[in-house]
Amino acid sequence: MELPDDLRYSTEHEWVRTEGELVRGGITDYAQDALGDVVVGELPATGTEVAAADSCSEVESTKSVSEIYAPVAGVIVEVNSELADAPEKLNEDPYGEGWICVMRPSDAAAIDALMDAAAYRALIDGE
């Protein structure tokens, strides 16, 4: 199970990578594995303001339909439109080409409140 050390993780299995004043995010390797083969994804709209832990998109897989939650509050400034035609990127490269959106966080300190890789590993090892 891949868990990059430079990311922060939510209890709902999303990740974020700080990129200046923005954060890029998606679902973790653990989440994509649990979902199975992703077949459809619903992306958030650019300009949407979301609260932390609010549903911001949806992923349909061969096993289920799952909500994707915003790990921090903020505004969606970019979405990975390539996922509309290639949702399998969520399975193949969840931390790279399978990113879901870029956000401008309302409070940069909220990123620090997310789990580091060691804490996230402890969470998934307990599940």
C-alpha atoms as a PDB file:
ATOM      1  CA  MET A   1       0.000   0.000   0.000  1.00  0.00           C
ATOM      2  CA  GLU A   2       1.560   3.243  -1.156  1.00  0.00           C
ATOM      3  CA  LEU A   3       1.508   6.188   1.321  1.00  0.00           C
ATOM      4  CA  PRO A   4       3.681   9.116   0.212  1.00  0.00           C
ATOM      5  CA  ASP A   5       5.249  10.958   3.156  1.00  0.00           C
ATOM      6  CA  ASP A   6       4.732  14.405   1.603  1.00  0.00           C
ATOM      7  CA  LEU A   7       0.921  14.158   1.739  1.00  0.00           C
ATOM      8  CA  ARG A   8      -1.663  14.737   4.466  1.00  0.00           C
ATOM      9  CA  TYR A   9      -4.581  12.334   4.911  1.00  0.00           C
ATOM     10  CA  SER A  10      -8.191  12.488   6.134  1.00  0.00           C
ATOM     11  CA  THR A  11     -10.063   9.877   8.117  1.00  0.00           C
ATOM     12  CA  GLU A  12     -12.330   9.458   5.064  1.00  0.00           C
ATOM     13  CA  HIS A  13      -9.353   8.265   2.956  1.00  0.00           C
ATOM     14  CA  GLU A  14      -8.645  11.406   0.952  1.00  0.00           C
ATOM     15  CA  TRP A  15      -5.194  12.957   0.526  1.00  0.00           C
ATOM     16  CA  VAL A  16      -3.935  16.487  -0.105  1.00  0.00           C
ATOM     17  CA  ARG A  17      -0.615  17.818  -1.364  1.00  0.00           C
ATOM     18  CA  THR A  18       0.247  21.441  -0.627  1.00  0.00           C
ATOM     19  CA  GLU A  19       1.183  23.381  -3.764  1.00  0.00           C
ATOM     20  CA  GLY A  20       1.887  26.947  -2.659  1.00  0.00           C
ATOM     21  CA  GLU A  21      -1.419  28.461  -1.501  1.00  0.00           C
ATOM     22  CA  LEU A  22      -3.410  25.599  -3.064  1.00  0.00           C
ATOM     23  CA  VAL A  23      -3.900  21.918  -2.308  1.00  0.00           C
ATOM     24  CA  ARG A  24      -4.325  19.123  -4.842  1.00  0.00           C
ATOM     25  CA  GLY A  25      -6.323  16.138  -3.620  1.00  0.00           C
ATOM     26  CA  GLY A  26      -7.811  12.775  -4.367  1.00  0.00           C
ATOM     27  CA  ILE A  27      -8.498   9.381  -2.848  1.00  0.00           C
ATOM     28  CA  THR A  28      -5.823   7.224  -1.256  1.00  0.00           C
ATOM     29  CA  ASP A  29      -4.413   3.985  -2.560  1.00  0.00           C
ATOM     30  CA  TYR A  30      -6.265   2.254   0.284  1.00  0.00           C
ATOM     31  CA  ALA A  31      -9.577   3.821  -0.839  1.00  0.00           C
ATOM     32  CA  GLN A  32      -9.178   2.931  -4.511  1.00  0.00           C
ATOM     33  CA  ASP A  33      -8.306  -0.635  -3.554  1.00  0.00           C
ATOM     34  CA  ALA A  34     -11.403  -0.902  -1.359  1.00  0.00           C
ATOM     35  CA  LEU A  35     -13.602   0.522  -4.130  1.00  0.00           C
ATOM     36  CA  GLY A  36     -12.453  -1.877  -6.830  1.00  0.00           C
ATOM     37  CA  ASP A  37     -12.450  -0.867 -10.482  1.00  0.00           C
ATOM     38  CA  VAL A  38     -13.696   2.714 -10.806  1.00  0.00           C
ATOM     39  CA  VAL A  39     -16.041   3.055 -13.767  1.00  0.00           C
ATOM     40  CA  VAL A  40     -17.616   6.510 -13.367  1.00  0.00           C
ATOM     41  CA  GLY A  41     -16.797   9.607 -11.409  1.00  0.00           C
ATOM     42  CA  GLU A  42     -18.741  12.769 -10.694  1.00  0.00           C
ATOM     43  CA  LEU A  43     -16.415  15.747 -10.404  1.00  0.00           C
ATOM     44  CA  PRO A  44     -17.081  18.886  -8.371  1.00  0.00           C
ATOM     45  CA  ALA A  45     -17.727  22.126 -10.230  1.00  0.00           C
ATOM     46  CA  THR A  46     -15.002  24.753 -10.366  1.00  0.00           C
ATOM     47  CA  GLY A  47     -15.899  27.650  -8.075  1.00  0.00           C
ATOM     48  CA  THR A  48     -17.812  25.470  -5.626  1.00  0.00           C
ATOM     49  CA  GLU A  49     -17.239  26.363  -1.997  1.00  0.00           C
ATOM     50  CA  VAL A  50     -17.094  23.334   0.295  1.00  0.00           C
ATOM     51  CA  ALA A  51     -16.859  22.848   4.036  1.00  0.00           C
ATOM     52  CA  ALA A  52     -14.453  20.316   5.505  1.00  0.00           C
ATOM     53  CA  ALA A  53     -15.992  16.805   5.472  1.00  0.00           C
ATOM     54  CA  ASP A  54     -18.719  17.854   2.977  1.00  0.00           C
ATOM     55  CA  SER A  55     -19.298  15.613  -0.016  1.00  0.00           C
ATOM     56  CA  CYS A  56     -17.626  17.198  -3.028  1.00  0.00           C
ATOM     57  CA  SER A  57     -17.738  14.397  -5.615  1.00  0.00           C
ATOM     58  CA  GLU A  58     -18.815  10.830  -6.151  1.00  0.00           C
ATOM     59  CA  VAL A  59     -17.124   7.704  -7.462  1.00  0.00           C
ATOM     60  CA  GLU A  60     -18.919   4.684  -8.849  1.00  0.00           C
ATOM     61  CA  SER A  61     -17.078   1.405  -8.980  1.00  0.00           C
ATOM     62  CA  THR A  62     -17.914  -2.171  -9.767  1.00  0.00           C
ATOM     63  CA  LYS A  63     -18.570  -2.643  -6.024  1.00  0.00           C
ATOM     64  CA  SER A  64     -20.408   0.512  -4.919  1.00  0.00           C
ATOM     65  CA  VAL A  65     -21.047   4.234  -5.174  1.00  0.00           C
ATOM     66  CA  SER A  66     -18.980   6.278  -2.740  1.00  0.00           C
ATOM     67  CA  GLU A  67     -18.988   9.911  -1.737  1.00  0.00           C
ATOM     68  CA  ILE A  68     -15.674  11.774  -1.804  1.00  0.00           C
ATOM     69  CA  TYR A  69     -15.359  14.302   1.017  1.00  0.00           C
ATOM     70  CA  ALA A  70     -13.458  17.579   1.128  1.00  0.00           C
ATOM     71  CA  PRO A  71     -10.536  17.106   3.514  1.00  0.00           C
ATOM     72  CA  VAL A  72     -10.466  20.867   4.239  1.00  0.00           C
ATOM     73  CA  ALA A  73     -12.807  23.799   3.663  1.00  0.00           C
ATOM     74  CA  GLY A  74     -12.209  25.928   0.619  1.00  0.00           C
ATOM     75  CA  VAL A  75     -13.062  26.699  -2.991  1.00  0.00           C
ATOM     76  CA  ILE A  76     -12.570  24.271  -5.877  1.00  0.00           C
ATOM     77  CA  VAL A  77     -10.323  26.030  -8.395  1.00  0.00           C
ATOM     78  CA  GLU A  78      -9.553  23.162 -10.796  1.00  0.00           C
ATOM     79  CA  VAL A  79     -10.851  19.667 -11.516  1.00  0.00           C
ATOM     80  CA  ASN A  80      -9.212  16.744 -13.276  1.00  0.00           C
ATOM     81  CA  SER A  81     -11.502  16.631 -16.301  1.00  0.00           C
ATOM     82  CA  GLU A  82      -9.490  13.717 -17.736  1.00  0.00           C
ATOM     83  CA  LEU A  83     -11.214  11.455 -15.184  1.00  0.00           C
ATOM     84  CA  ALA A  84     -14.504  11.827 -17.086  1.00  0.00           C
ATOM     85  CA  ASP A  85     -13.041   9.792 -19.964  1.00  0.00           C
ATOM     86  CA  ALA A  86     -10.517   7.776 -17.957  1.00  0.00           C
ATOM     87  CA  PRO A  87     -11.836   7.086 -14.428  1.00  0.00           C
ATOM     88  CA  GLU A  88      -9.437   4.140 -14.199  1.00  0.00           C
ATOM     89  CA  LYS A  89      -6.680   6.682 -13.425  1.00  0.00           C
ATOM     90  CA  LEU A  90      -8.090   6.732  -9.882  1.00  0.00           C
ATOM     91  CA  ASN A  91      -7.095   3.062  -9.593  1.00  0.00           C
ATOM     92  CA  GLU A  92      -3.895   3.165 -11.597  1.00  0.00           C
ATOM     93  CA  ASP A  93      -2.285   6.330 -10.172  1.00  0.00           C
ATOM     94  CA  PRO A  94      -4.280   7.726  -7.219  1.00  0.00           C
ATOM     95  CA  TYR A  95      -1.501  10.136  -6.143  1.00  0.00           C
ATOM     96  CA  GLY A  96      -0.549  11.265  -9.649  1.00  0.00           C
ATOM     97  CA  GLU A  97      -2.797  11.348 -12.712  1.00  0.00           C
ATOM     98  CA  GLY A  98      -5.765  10.220 -10.590  1.00  0.00           C
ATOM     99  CA  TRP A  99      -6.050  13.459  -8.604  1.00  0.00           C
ATOM    100  CA  ILE A 100      -9.606  14.807  -8.341  1.00  0.00           C
ATOM    101  CA  CYS A 101      -9.420  18.537  -7.668  1.00  0.00           C
ATOM    102  CA  VAL A 102      -7.341  21.525  -6.623  1.00  0.00           C
ATOM    103  CA  MET A 103      -8.672  23.732  -3.820  1.00  0.00           C
ATOM    104  CA  ARG A 104      -7.856  27.086  -2.306  1.00  0.00           C
ATOM    105  CA  PRO A 105      -8.206  26.272   1.427  1.00  0.00           C
ATOM    106  CA  SER A 106     -10.104  28.713   3.631  1.00  0.00           C
ATOM    107  CA  ASP A 107      -7.627  28.098   6.454  1.00  0.00           C
ATOM    108  CA  ALA A 108      -4.135  26.819   5.657  1.00  0.00           C
ATOM    109  CA  ALA A 109      -3.750  25.645   9.262  1.00  0.00           C
ATOM    110  CA  ALA A 110      -6.469  23.042   8.635  1.00  0.00           C
ATOM    111  CA  ILE A 111      -4.018  21.134   6.437  1.00  0.00           C
ATOM    112  CA  ASP A 112      -1.730  20.617   9.439  1.00  0.00           C
ATOM    113  CA  ALA A 113      -4.656  19.116  11.349  1.00  0.00           C
ATOM    114  CA  LEU A 114      -4.857  16.252   8.844  1.00  0.00           C
ATOM    115  CA  MET A 115      -2.920  13.038   9.478  1.00  0.00           C
ATOM    116  CA  ASP A 116       0.634  12.473   8.315  1.00  0.00           C
ATOM    117  CA  ALA A 117       1.532   9.188   6.603  1.00  0.00           C
ATOM    118  CA  ALA A 118       2.410   7.407   9.886  1.00  0.00           C
ATOM    119  CA  ALA A 119      -0.905   8.334  11.530  1.00  0.00           C
ATOM    120  CA  TYR A 120      -2.862   7.351   8.406  1.00  0.00           C
ATOM    121  CA  ARG A 121      -1.063   3.996   8.249  1.00  0.00           C
ATOM    122  CA  ALA A 122      -2.062   3.380  11.893  1.00  0.00           C
ATOM    123  CA  LEU A 123      -5.681   4.208  10.968  1.00  0.00           C
ATOM    124  CA  ILE A 124      -5.878   1.783   8.043  1.00  0.00           C
ATOM    125  CA  ASP A 125      -3.960  -0.928   9.899  1.00  0.00           C
ATOM    126  CA  GLY A 126      -6.694  -0.746  12.546  1.00  0.00           C
ATOM    127  CA  GLU A 127      -9.542  -1.152  10.039  1.00  0.00           C
END
